[in-house]
PDB file of N, CA and C in Angstrom:
ATOM      1  N   UNK A   1     -14.169   6.754 -12.869  1.00  0.00           N
ATOM      2  CA  UNK A   1     -14.329   6.674 -11.412  1.00  0.00           C
ATOM      3  C   UNK A   1     -12.974   6.366 -10.767  1.00  0.00           C
ATOM      4  N   UNK A   2     -12.694   7.035  -9.680  1.00  0.00           N
ATOM      5  CA  UNK A   2     -11.408   6.816  -9.027  1.00  0.00           C
ATOM      6  C   UNK A   2     -11.518   5.767  -7.924  1.00  0.00           C
ATOM      7  N   UNK A   3     -10.375   5.198  -7.619  1.00  0.00           N
ATOM      8  CA  UNK A   3     -10.244   4.208  -6.559  1.00  0.00           C
ATOM      9  C   UNK A   3      -9.460   4.855  -5.419  1.00  0.00           C
ATOM     10  N   UNK A   4      -9.660   4.364  -4.209  1.00  0.00           N
ATOM     11  CA  UNK A   4      -8.884   4.831  -3.067  1.00  0.00           C
ATOM     12  C   UNK A   4      -7.943   3.713  -2.655  1.00  0.00           C
ATOM     13  N   UNK A   5      -6.646   4.011  -2.647  1.00  0.00           N
ATOM     14  CA  UNK A   5      -5.623   3.040  -2.281  1.00  0.00           C
ATOM     15  C   UNK A   5      -4.874   3.567  -1.065  1.00  0.00           C
ATOM     16  N   UNK A   6      -4.837   2.765  -0.001  1.00  0.00           N
ATOM     17  CA  UNK A   6      -4.093   3.140   1.201  1.00  0.00           C
ATOM     18  C   UNK A   6      -2.728   2.486   1.167  1.00  0.00           C
ATOM     19  N   UNK A   7      -1.677   3.292   1.341  1.00  0.00           N
ATOM     20  CA  UNK A   7      -0.317   2.772   1.395  1.00  0.00           C
ATOM     21  C   UNK A   7       0.315   3.108   2.726  1.00  0.00           C
ATOM     22  N   UNK A   8       0.961   2.110   3.314  1.00  0.00           N
ATOM     23  CA  UNK A   8       1.720   2.287   4.555  1.00  0.00           C
ATOM     24  C   UNK A   8       3.201   2.013   4.305  1.00  0.00           C
ATOM     25  N   UNK A   9       3.555   1.778   3.037  1.00  0.00           N
ATOM     26  CA  UNK A   9       4.922   1.361   2.720  1.00  0.00           C
ATOM     27  C   UNK A   9       5.489   2.060   1.503  1.00  0.00           C
ATOM     28  N   UNK A  10       6.130   1.268   0.635  1.00  0.00           N
ATOM     29  CA  UNK A  10       6.941   1.828  -0.445  1.00  0.00           C
ATOM     30  C   UNK A  10       6.136   2.542  -1.534  1.00  0.00           C
ATOM     31  N   UNK A  11       4.838   2.281  -1.642  1.00  0.00           N
ATOM     32  CA  UNK A  11       4.046   3.020  -2.632  1.00  0.00           C
ATOM     33  C   UNK A  11       3.895   4.496  -2.250  1.00  0.00           C
ATOM     34  N   UNK A  12       4.362   4.866  -1.058  1.00  0.00           N
ATOM     35  CA  UNK A  12       4.395   6.282  -0.672  1.00  0.00           C
ATOM     36  C   UNK A  12       5.642   6.986  -1.213  1.00  0.00           C
ATOM     37  N   UNK A  13       6.632   6.209  -1.674  1.00  0.00           N
ATOM     38  CA  UNK A  13       7.885   6.788  -2.180  1.00  0.00           C
ATOM     39  C   UNK A  13       7.669   7.363  -3.581  1.00  0.00           C
ATOM     40  N   UNK A  14       8.108   8.601  -3.776  1.00  0.00           N
ATOM     41  CA  UNK A  14       7.930   9.265  -5.072  1.00  0.00           C
ATOM     42  C   UNK A  14       8.563   8.462  -6.206  1.00  0.00           C
ATOM     43  N   UNK A  15       9.770   7.916  -5.991  1.00  0.00           N
ATOM     44  CA  UNK A  15      10.434   7.142  -7.036  1.00  0.00           C
ATOM     45  C   UNK A  15       9.663   5.901  -7.439  1.00  0.00           C
ATOM     46  N   UNK A  16       9.072   5.224  -6.465  1.00  0.00           N
ATOM     47  CA  UNK A  16       8.257   4.039  -6.758  1.00  0.00           C
ATOM     48  C   UNK A  16       7.010   4.453  -7.538  1.00  0.00           C
ATOM     49  N   UNK A  17       6.379   5.552  -7.130  1.00  0.00           N
ATOM     50  CA  UNK A  17       5.184   6.031  -7.835  1.00  0.00           C
ATOM     51  C   UNK A  17       5.489   6.358  -9.291  1.00  0.00           C
ATOM     52  N   UNK A  18       6.562   7.063  -9.535  1.00  0.00           N
ATOM     53  CA  UNK A  18       6.911   7.439 -10.914  1.00  0.00           C
ATOM     54  C   UNK A  18       7.236   6.193 -11.730  1.00  0.00           C
ATOM     55  N   UNK A  19       7.982   5.250 -11.137  1.00  0.00           N
ATOM     56  CA  UNK A  19       8.324   4.017 -11.856  1.00  0.00           C
ATOM     57  C   UNK A  19       7.101   3.161 -12.135  1.00  0.00           C
ATOM     58  N   UNK A  20       6.156   3.129 -11.213  1.00  0.00           N
ATOM     59  CA  UNK A  20       5.010   2.224 -11.352  1.00  0.00           C
ATOM     60  C   UNK A  20       3.816   2.864 -12.050  1.00  0.00           C
ATOM     61  N   UNK A  21       3.585   4.171 -11.807  1.00  0.00           N
ATOM     62  CA  UNK A  21       2.382   4.838 -12.324  1.00  0.00           C
ATOM     63  C   UNK A  21       2.680   5.926 -13.346  1.00  0.00           C
ATOM     64  N   UNK A  22       3.956   6.299 -13.476  1.00  0.00           N
ATOM     65  CA  UNK A  22       4.312   7.358 -14.411  1.00  0.00           C
ATOM     66  C   UNK A  22       4.018   8.747 -13.909  1.00  0.00           C
ATOM     67  N   UNK A  23       3.680   8.863 -12.630  1.00  0.00           N
ATOM     68  CA  UNK A  23       3.395  10.177 -12.037  1.00  0.00           C
ATOM     69  C   UNK A  23       3.528  10.093 -10.525  1.00  0.00           C
ATOM     70  N   UNK A  24       3.618  11.263  -9.902  1.00  0.00           N
ATOM     71  CA  UNK A  24       3.602  11.353  -8.445  1.00  0.00           C
ATOM     72  C   UNK A  24       2.144  11.394  -8.013  1.00  0.00           C
ATOM     73  N   UNK A  25       1.760  10.517  -7.090  1.00  0.00           N
ATOM     74  CA  UNK A  25       0.383  10.448  -6.616  1.00  0.00           C
ATOM     75  C   UNK A  25       0.093  11.545  -5.596  1.00  0.00           C
ATOM     76  N   UNK A  26      -1.165  11.930  -5.530  1.00  0.00           N
ATOM     77  CA  UNK A  26      -1.622  12.888  -4.535  1.00  0.00           C
ATOM     78  C   UNK A  26      -2.437  12.135  -3.499  1.00  0.00           C
ATOM     79  N   UNK A  27      -2.144  12.379  -2.230  1.00  0.00           N
ATOM     80  CA  UNK A  27      -2.867  11.669  -1.188  1.00  0.00           C
ATOM     81  C   UNK A  27      -2.985  12.473   0.085  1.00  0.00           C
ATOM     82  N   UNK A  28      -3.708  11.892   1.046  1.00  0.00           N
ATOM     83  CA  UNK A  28      -3.895  12.527   2.349  1.00  0.00           C
ATOM     84  C   UNK A  28      -3.503  11.541   3.441  1.00  0.00           C
ATOM     85  N   UNK A  29      -2.908  12.041   4.526  1.00  0.00           N
ATOM     86  CA  UNK A  29      -2.560  11.157   5.642  1.00  0.00           C
ATOM     87  C   UNK A  29      -3.819  10.503   6.214  1.00  0.00           C
ATOM     88  N   UNK A  30      -3.690   9.247   6.598  1.00  0.00           N
ATOM     89  CA  UNK A  30      -4.806   8.513   7.192  1.00  0.00           C
ATOM     90  C   UNK A  30      -4.193   7.357   7.979  1.00  0.00           C
ATOM     91  N   UNK A  31      -5.020   6.480   8.492  1.00  0.00           N
ATOM     92  CA  UNK A  31      -4.514   5.313   9.219  1.00  0.00           C
ATOM     93  C   UNK A  31      -5.440   4.132   8.978  1.00  0.00           C
ATOM     94  N   UNK A  32      -4.851   2.959   8.916  1.00  0.00           N
ATOM     95  CA  UNK A  32      -5.567   1.702   8.748  1.00  0.00           C
ATOM     96  C   UNK A  32      -5.983   1.229  10.135  1.00  0.00           C
ATOM     97  N   UNK A  33      -7.259   0.910  10.300  1.00  0.00           N
ATOM     98  CA  UNK A  33      -7.815   0.556  11.607  1.00  0.00           C
ATOM     99  C   UNK A  33      -7.867  -0.964  11.777  1.00  0.00           C
ATOM    100  N   UNK A  34      -7.427  -1.441  12.942  1.00  0.00           N
ATOM    101  CA  UNK A  34      -7.558  -2.858  13.268  1.00  0.00           C
ATOM    102  C   UNK A  34      -6.483  -3.756  12.674  1.00  0.00           C
ATOM    103  N   UNK A  35      -5.353  -3.149  12.261  1.00  0.00           N
ATOM    104  CA  UNK A  35      -4.240  -3.917  11.699  1.00  0.00           C
ATOM    105  C   UNK A  35      -2.965  -3.556  12.447  1.00  0.00           C
ATOM    106  N   UNK A  36      -1.995  -4.485  12.408  1.00  0.00           N
ATOM    107  CA  UNK A  36      -0.666  -4.237  12.969  1.00  0.00           C
ATOM    108  C   UNK A  36       0.355  -4.488  11.871  1.00  0.00           C
ATOM    109  N   UNK A  37       1.534  -3.905  12.036  1.00  0.00           N
ATOM    110  CA  UNK A  37       2.552  -3.946  10.986  1.00  0.00           C
ATOM    111  C   UNK A  37       3.741  -4.817  11.382  1.00  0.00           C
ATOM    112  N   UNK A  38       4.306  -5.526  10.401  1.00  0.00           N
ATOM    113  CA  UNK A  38       5.538  -6.295  10.539  1.00  0.00           C
ATOM    114  C   UNK A  38       6.372  -6.012   9.294  1.00  0.00           C
ATOM    115  N   UNK A  39       7.446  -6.777   9.077  1.00  0.00           N
ATOM    116  CA  UNK A  39       8.289  -6.603   7.900  1.00  0.00           C
ATOM    117  C   UNK A  39       8.383  -7.936   7.152  1.00  0.00           C
ATOM    118  N   UNK A  40       8.550  -7.853   5.827  1.00  0.00           N
ATOM    119  CA  UNK A  40       8.708  -9.037   4.990  1.00  0.00           C
ATOM    120  C   UNK A  40       9.902  -8.810   4.063  1.00  0.00           C
ATOM    121  N   UNK A  41      10.687  -9.861   3.829  1.00  0.00           N
ATOM    122  CA  UNK A  41      11.825  -9.747   2.926  1.00  0.00           C
ATOM    123  C   UNK A  41      11.355  -9.875   1.486  1.00  0.00           C
ATOM    124  N   UNK A  42      11.803  -8.954   0.642  1.00  0.00           N
ATOM    125  CA  UNK A  42      11.427  -8.924  -0.777  1.00  0.00           C
ATOM    126  C   UNK A  42      12.581  -9.519  -1.590  1.00  0.00           C
ATOM    127  N   UNK A  43      12.249 -10.427  -2.506  1.00  0.00           N
ATOM    128  CA  UNK A  43      13.265 -11.032  -3.365  1.00  0.00           C
ATOM    129  C   UNK A  43      13.021 -10.740  -4.847  1.00  0.00           C
ATOM    130  N   UNK A  44      11.871 -10.162  -5.200  1.00  0.00           N
ATOM    131  CA  UNK A  44      11.557  -9.841  -6.591  1.00  0.00           C
ATOM    132  C   UNK A  44      12.506  -8.737  -7.083  1.00  0.00           C
ATOM    133  N   UNK A  45      13.323  -9.010  -8.138  1.00  0.00           N
ATOM    134  CA  UNK A  45      14.317  -8.025  -8.586  1.00  0.00           C
ATOM    135  C   UNK A  45      13.711  -6.704  -9.043  1.00  0.00           C
ATOM    136  N   UNK A  46      12.536  -6.730  -9.680  1.00  0.00           N
ATOM    137  CA  UNK A  46      11.898  -5.508 -10.165  1.00  0.00           C
ATOM    138  C   UNK A  46      11.472  -4.627  -8.992  1.00  0.00           C
ATOM    139  N   UNK A  47      10.861  -5.239  -7.992  1.00  0.00           N
ATOM    140  CA  UNK A  47      10.410  -4.489  -6.813  1.00  0.00           C
ATOM    141  C   UNK A  47      11.619  -3.960  -6.037  1.00  0.00           C
ATOM    142  N   UNK A  48      12.652  -4.772  -5.909  1.00  0.00           N
ATOM    143  CA  UNK A  48      13.873  -4.321  -5.234  1.00  0.00           C
ATOM    144  C   UNK A  48      14.482  -3.122  -5.953  1.00  0.00           C
ATOM    145  N   UNK A  49      14.502  -3.156  -7.278  1.00  0.00           N
ATOM    146  CA  UNK A  49      15.072  -2.052  -8.059  1.00  0.00           C
ATOM    147  C   UNK A  49      14.263  -0.769  -7.871  1.00  0.00           C
ATOM    148  N   UNK A  50      12.936  -0.887  -7.857  1.00  0.00           N
ATOM    149  CA  UNK A  50      12.081   0.301  -7.735  1.00  0.00           C
ATOM    150  C   UNK A  50      12.101   0.877  -6.323  1.00  0.00           C
ATOM    151  N   UNK A  51      12.089   0.018  -5.312  1.00  0.00           N
ATOM    152  CA  UNK A  51      11.987   0.501  -3.930  1.00  0.00           C
ATOM    153  C   UNK A  51      13.336   0.743  -3.279  1.00  0.00           C
ATOM    154  N   UNK A  52      14.375   0.056  -3.774  1.00  0.00           N
ATOM    155  CA  UNK A  52      15.716   0.109  -3.168  1.00  0.00           C
ATOM    156  C   UNK A  52      15.701  -0.360  -1.717  1.00  0.00           C
ATOM    157  N   UNK A  53      14.731  -1.201  -1.375  1.00  0.00           N
ATOM    158  CA  UNK A  53      14.606  -1.714  -0.012  1.00  0.00           C
ATOM    159  C   UNK A  53      14.389  -3.219  -0.038  1.00  0.00           C
ATOM    160  N   UNK A  54      15.180  -3.943   0.750  1.00  0.00           N
ATOM    161  CA  UNK A  54      15.068  -5.399   0.823  1.00  0.00           C
ATOM    162  C   UNK A  54      13.911  -5.832   1.722  1.00  0.00           C
ATOM    163  N   UNK A  55      13.617  -5.052   2.751  1.00  0.00           N
ATOM    164  CA  UNK A  55      12.520  -5.376   3.662  1.00  0.00           C
ATOM    165  C   UNK A  55      11.424  -4.331   3.516  1.00  0.00           C
ATOM    166  N   UNK A  56      10.205  -4.805   3.315  1.00  0.00           N
ATOM    167  CA  UNK A  56       9.051  -3.925   3.165  1.00  0.00           C
ATOM    168  C   UNK A  56       8.081  -4.175   4.320  1.00  0.00           C
ATOM    169  N   UNK A  57       7.343  -3.147   4.728  1.00  0.00           N
ATOM    170  CA  UNK A  57       6.320  -3.370   5.740  1.00  0.00           C
ATOM    171  C   UNK A  57       5.178  -4.205   5.173  1.00  0.00           C
ATOM    172  N   UNK A  58       4.527  -4.937   6.046  1.00  0.00           N
ATOM    173  CA  UNK A  58       3.353  -5.725   5.690  1.00  0.00           C
ATOM    174  C   UNK A  58       2.405  -5.657   6.882  1.00  0.00           C
ATOM    175  N   UNK A  59       1.106  -5.677   6.635  1.00  0.00           N
ATOM    176  CA  UNK A  59       0.147  -5.612   7.738  1.00  0.00           C
ATOM    177  C   UNK A  59      -0.687  -6.875   7.795  1.00  0.00           C
ATOM    178  N   UNK A  60      -1.159  -7.155   9.004  1.00  0.00           N
ATOM    179  CA  UNK A  60      -2.046  -8.290   9.249  1.00  0.00           C
ATOM    180  C   UNK A  60      -3.071  -7.846  10.287  1.00  0.00           C
ATOM    181  N   UNK A  61      -4.205  -8.553  10.365  1.00  0.00           N
ATOM    182  CA  UNK A  61      -5.222  -8.158  11.346  1.00  0.00           C
ATOM    183  C   UNK A  61      -4.638  -8.077  12.753  1.00  0.00           C
ATOM    184  N   UNK A  62      -5.065  -7.059  13.481  1.00  0.00           N
ATOM    185  CA  UNK A  62      -4.644  -6.855  14.859  1.00  0.00           C
ATOM    186  C   UNK A  62      -5.863  -6.640  15.735  1.00  0.00           C
ATOM    187  N   UNK A  63      -5.680  -5.908  16.805  1.00  0.00           N
ATOM    188  CA  UNK A  63      -6.784  -5.611  17.715  1.00  0.00           C
ATOM    189  C   UNK A  63      -7.540  -4.368  17.295  1.00  0.00           C
ATOM    190  N   UNK A  64      -8.683  -4.123  17.934  1.00  0.00           N
ATOM    191  CA  UNK A  64      -9.515  -2.976  17.556  1.00  0.00           C
ATOM    192  C   UNK A  64      -8.838  -1.624  17.775  1.00  0.00           C
ATOM    193  N   UNK A  65      -7.844  -1.571  18.651  1.00  0.00           N
ATOM    194  CA  UNK A  65      -7.151  -0.310  18.907  1.00  0.00           C
ATOM    195  C   UNK A  65      -5.882  -0.151  18.085  1.00  0.00           C
ATOM    196  N   UNK A  66      -5.517  -1.169  17.285  1.00  0.00           N
ATOM    197  CA  UNK A  66      -4.320  -1.080  16.449  1.00  0.00           C
ATOM    198  C   UNK A  66      -4.564  -0.131  15.278  1.00  0.00           C
ATOM    199  N   UNK A  67      -3.523   0.640  14.940  1.00  0.00           N
ATOM    200  CA  UNK A  67      -3.572   1.581  13.821  1.00  0.00           C
ATOM    201  C   UNK A  67      -2.239   1.504  13.086  1.00  0.00           C
ATOM    202  N   UNK A  68      -2.292   1.606  11.756  1.00  0.00           N
ATOM    203  CA  UNK A  68      -1.088   1.687  10.933  1.00  0.00           C
ATOM    204  C   UNK A  68      -1.179   2.995  10.152  1.00  0.00           C
ATOM    205  N   UNK A  69      -0.260   3.937  10.385  1.00  0.00           N
ATOM    206  CA  UNK A  69      -0.305   5.205   9.659  1.00  0.00           C
ATOM    207  C   UNK A  69       0.138   5.040   8.214  1.00  0.00           C
ATOM    208  N   UNK A  70      -0.369   5.914   7.361  1.00  0.00           N
ATOM    209  CA  UNK A  70       0.010   5.882   5.956  1.00  0.00           C
ATOM    210  C   UNK A  70      -0.681   6.994   5.195  1.00  0.00           C
ATOM    211  N   UNK A  71      -0.876   6.753   3.902  1.00  0.00           N
ATOM    212  CA  UNK A  71      -1.462   7.753   3.014  1.00  0.00           C
ATOM    213  C   UNK A  71      -2.537   7.113   2.152  1.00  0.00           C
ATOM    214  N   UNK A  72      -3.671   7.810   2.012  1.00  0.00           N
ATOM    215  CA  UNK A  72      -4.749   7.376   1.118  1.00  0.00           C
ATOM    216  C   UNK A  72      -4.603   8.143  -0.199  1.00  0.00           C
ATOM    217  N   UNK A  73      -4.435   7.392  -1.288  1.00  0.00           N
ATOM    218  CA  UNK A  73      -4.233   7.978  -2.614  1.00  0.00           C
ATOM    219  C   UNK A  73      -5.444   7.736  -3.493  1.00  0.00           C
ATOM    220  N   UNK A  74      -5.866   8.763  -4.236  1.00  0.00           N
ATOM    221  CA  UNK A  74      -6.901   8.597  -5.256  1.00  0.00           C
ATOM    222  C   UNK A  74      -6.198   8.207  -6.540  1.00  0.00           C
ATOM    223  N   UNK A  75      -6.551   7.040  -7.083  1.00  0.00           N
ATOM    224  CA  UNK A  75      -5.918   6.533  -8.295  1.00  0.00           C
ATOM    225  C   UNK A  75      -6.987   6.029  -9.256  1.00  0.00           C
ATOM    226  N   UNK A  76      -6.578   5.765 -10.487  1.00  0.00           N
ATOM    227  CA  UNK A  76      -7.494   5.227 -11.492  1.00  0.00           C
ATOM    228  C   UNK A  76      -7.532   3.701 -11.386  1.00  0.00           C
ATOM    229  N   UNK A  77      -8.494   3.089 -12.049  1.00  0.00           N
ATOM    230  CA  UNK A  77      -8.575   1.625 -12.092  1.00  0.00           C
ATOM    231  C   UNK A  77      -7.324   1.039 -12.746  1.00  0.00           C
ATOM    232  N   UNK A  78      -6.796   1.726 -13.766  1.00  0.00           N
ATOM    233  CA  UNK A  78      -5.572   1.268 -14.426  1.00  0.00           C
ATOM    234  C   UNK A  78      -4.386   1.316 -13.464  1.00  0.00           C
ATOM    235  N   UNK A  79      -4.324   2.371 -12.655  1.00  0.00           N
ATOM    236  CA  UNK A  79      -3.246   2.477 -11.680  1.00  0.00           C
ATOM    237  C   UNK A  79      -3.388   1.427 -10.573  1.00  0.00           C
ATOM    238  N   UNK A  80      -4.622   1.082 -10.227  1.00  0.00           N
ATOM    239  CA  UNK A  80      -4.829   0.014  -9.243  1.00  0.00           C
ATOM    240  C   UNK A  80      -4.297  -1.308  -9.797  1.00  0.00           C
ATOM    241  N   UNK A  81      -4.524  -1.565 -11.075  1.00  0.00           N
ATOM    242  CA  UNK A  81      -3.971  -2.765 -11.716  1.00  0.00           C
ATOM    243  C   UNK A  81      -2.442  -2.718 -11.712  1.00  0.00           C
ATOM    244  N   UNK A  82      -1.869  -1.536 -11.919  1.00  0.00           N
ATOM    245  CA  UNK A  82      -0.412  -1.386 -11.872  1.00  0.00           C
ATOM    246  C   UNK A  82       0.106  -1.639 -10.456  1.00  0.00           C
ATOM    247  N   UNK A  83      -0.644  -1.215  -9.450  1.00  0.00           N
ATOM    248  CA  UNK A  83      -0.262  -1.486  -8.059  1.00  0.00           C
ATOM    249  C   UNK A  83      -0.306  -2.985  -7.790  1.00  0.00           C
ATOM    250  N   UNK A  84      -1.331  -3.665  -8.327  1.00  0.00           N
ATOM    251  CA  UNK A  84      -1.425  -5.123  -8.170  1.00  0.00           C
ATOM    252  C   UNK A  84      -0.182  -5.806  -8.741  1.00  0.00           C
ATOM    253  N   UNK A  85       0.300  -5.319  -9.882  1.00  0.00           N
ATOM    254  CA  UNK A  85       1.457  -5.955 -10.514  1.00  0.00           C
ATOM    255  C   UNK A  85       2.754  -5.659  -9.759  1.00  0.00           C
ATOM    256  N   UNK A  86       2.779  -4.581  -8.973  1.00  0.00           N
ATOM    257  CA  UNK A  86       3.960  -4.231  -8.175  1.00  0.00           C
ATOM    258  C   UNK A  86       4.079  -5.134  -6.947  1.00  0.00           C
ATOM    259  N   UNK A  87       2.954  -5.438  -6.329  1.00  0.00           N
ATOM    260  CA  UNK A  87       2.986  -6.198  -5.080  1.00  0.00           C
ATOM    261  C   UNK A  87       3.318  -7.664  -5.337  1.00  0.00           C
ATOM    262  N   UNK A  88       4.178  -8.226  -4.494  1.00  0.00           N
ATOM    263  CA  UNK A  88       4.603  -9.617  -4.635  1.00  0.00           C
ATOM    264  C   UNK A  88       3.586 -10.548  -3.985  1.00  0.00           C
ATOM    265  N   UNK A  89       3.799 -11.859  -4.135  1.00  0.00           N
ATOM    266  CA  UNK A  89       2.837 -12.873  -3.690  1.00  0.00           C
ATOM    267  C   UNK A  89       2.595 -12.873  -2.182  1.00  0.00           C
ATOM    268  N   UNK A  90       3.452 -12.204  -1.404  1.00  0.00           N
ATOM    269  CA  UNK A  90       3.246 -12.128   0.049  1.00  0.00           C
ATOM    270  C   UNK A  90       2.026 -11.281   0.407  1.00  0.00           C
ATOM    271  N   UNK A  91       1.557 -10.480  -0.555  1.00  0.00           N
ATOM    272  CA  UNK A  91       0.464  -9.535  -0.311  1.00  0.00           C
ATOM    273  C   UNK A  91      -0.791  -9.934  -1.088  1.00  0.00           C
ATOM    274  N   UNK A  92      -1.938  -9.547  -0.528  1.00  0.00           N
ATOM    275  CA  UNK A  92      -3.208  -9.635  -1.257  1.00  0.00           C
ATOM    276  C   UNK A  92      -3.971  -8.344  -0.996  1.00  0.00           C
ATOM    277  N   UNK A  93      -4.790  -7.927  -1.952  1.00  0.00           N
ATOM    278  CA  UNK A  93      -5.520  -6.657  -1.837  1.00  0.00           C
ATOM    279  C   UNK A  93      -6.904  -6.898  -1.257  1.00  0.00           C
ATOM    280  N   UNK A  94      -7.255  -6.114  -0.224  1.00  0.00           N
ATOM    281  CA  UNK A  94      -8.571  -6.184   0.401  1.00  0.00           C
ATOM    282  C   UNK A  94      -9.092  -4.768   0.626  1.00  0.00           C
ATOM    283  N   UNK A  95     -10.401  -4.648   0.801  1.00  0.00           N
ATOM    284  CA  UNK A  95     -10.998  -3.372   1.191  1.00  0.00           C
ATOM    285  C   UNK A  95     -10.977  -3.300   2.716  1.00  0.00           C
ATOM    286  N   UNK A  96     -10.555  -2.153   3.256  1.00  0.00           N
ATOM    287  CA  UNK A  96     -10.442  -2.019   4.708  1.00  0.00           C
ATOM    288  C   UNK A  96     -10.837  -0.610   5.145  1.00  0.00           C
ATOM    289  N   UNK A  97     -11.232  -0.497   6.411  1.00  0.00           N
ATOM    290  CA  UNK A  97     -11.658   0.775   6.991  1.00  0.00           C
ATOM    291  C   UNK A  97     -10.459   1.624   7.397  1.00  0.00           C
ATOM    292  N   UNK A  98     -10.567   2.911   7.124  1.00  0.00           N
ATOM    293  CA  UNK A  98      -9.551   3.869   7.535  1.00  0.00           C
ATOM    294  C   UNK A  98     -10.079   4.706   8.701  1.00  0.00           C
ATOM    295  N   UNK A  99      -9.169   5.325   9.437  1.00  0.00           N
ATOM    296  CA  UNK A  99      -9.544   6.159  10.586  1.00  0.00           C
ATOM    297  C   UNK A  99     -10.451   7.317  10.170  1.00  0.00           C
ATOM    298  N   UNK A 100     -10.311   7.781   8.919  1.00  0.00           N
ATOM    299  CA  UNK A 100     -11.126   8.890   8.410  1.00  0.00           C
ATOM    300  C   UNK A 100     -12.582   8.491   8.178  1.00  0.00           C
ATOM    301  N   UNK A 101     -12.883   7.186   8.251  1.00  0.00           N
ATOM    302  CA  UNK A 101     -14.225   6.705   7.969  1.00  0.00           C
ATOM    303  C   UNK A 101     -14.383   6.218   6.536  1.00  0.00           C
ATOM    304  N   UNK A 102     -13.376   6.464   5.701  1.00  0.00           N
ATOM    305  CA  UNK A 102     -13.430   5.990   4.319  1.00  0.00           C
ATOM    306  C   UNK A 102     -13.004   4.530   4.258  1.00  0.00           C
ATOM    307  N   UNK A 103     -13.333   3.873   3.161  1.00  0.00           N
ATOM    308  CA  UNK A 103     -12.887   2.514   2.883  1.00  0.00           C
ATOM    309  C   UNK A 103     -11.933   2.574   1.705  1.00  0.00           C
ATOM    310  N   UNK A 104     -10.804   1.864   1.809  1.00  0.00           N
ATOM    311  CA  UNK A 104      -9.793   1.904   0.756  1.00  0.00           C
ATOM    312  C   UNK A 104      -9.281   0.514   0.488  1.00  0.00           C
ATOM    313  N   UNK A 105      -8.715   0.327  -0.706  1.00  0.00           N
ATOM    314  CA  UNK A 105      -7.960  -0.886  -1.005  1.00  0.00           C
ATOM    315  C   UNK A 105      -6.653  -0.823  -0.251  1.00  0.00           C
ATOM    316  N   UNK A 106      -6.225  -1.955   0.279  1.00  0.00           N
ATOM    317  CA  UNK A 106      -4.952  -2.037   0.986  1.00  0.00           C
ATOM    318  C   UNK A 106      -4.366  -3.418   0.769  1.00  0.00           C
ATOM    319  N   UNK A 107      -3.042  -3.477   0.707  1.00  0.00           N
ATOM    320  CA  UNK A 107      -2.358  -4.763   0.546  1.00  0.00           C
ATOM    321  C   UNK A 107      -1.980  -5.287   1.915  1.00  0.00           C
ATOM    322  N   UNK A 108      -2.500  -6.483   2.242  1.00  0.00           N
ATOM    323  CA  UNK A 108      -2.272  -7.125   3.539  1.00  0.00           C
ATOM    324  C   UNK A 108      -1.540  -8.434   3.330  1.00  0.00           C
ATOM    325  N   UNK A 109      -1.104  -9.033   4.419  1.00  0.00           N
ATOM    326  CA  UNK A 109      -0.404 -10.326   4.346  1.00  0.00           C
ATOM    327  C   UNK A 109      -1.307 -11.372   3.719  1.00  0.00           C
ATOM    328  N   UNK A 110      -0.791 -12.063   2.697  1.00  0.00           N
ATOM    329  CA  UNK A 110      -1.570 -13.090   1.981  1.00  0.00           C
ATOM    330  C   UNK A 110      -1.774 -14.324   2.857  1.00  0.00           C
TER     331      UNK A 110
END
């Protein structure tokens, strides 16, 4: 059974996907409903090496009209565990509604 993972940040980068999952993910554009985006400084050396970015986007609950664009990826349970290991302690994984009407896992501010 596949999982749906919504990414609005570095997990959309092909290099991060190959480093973390061993393949390029396939996904469709979508948007996270009811959240707003900010930035967080990353200090984890492994994540910095994979993303090549010191600041990563992070989302937190917003208003009903707030939307965060991104990509919904179909991944395996093993790949979801790999995504969990990529995300630093600033993030936690929750199920959230997408503009398409689907529900996906997404990493939000812890």
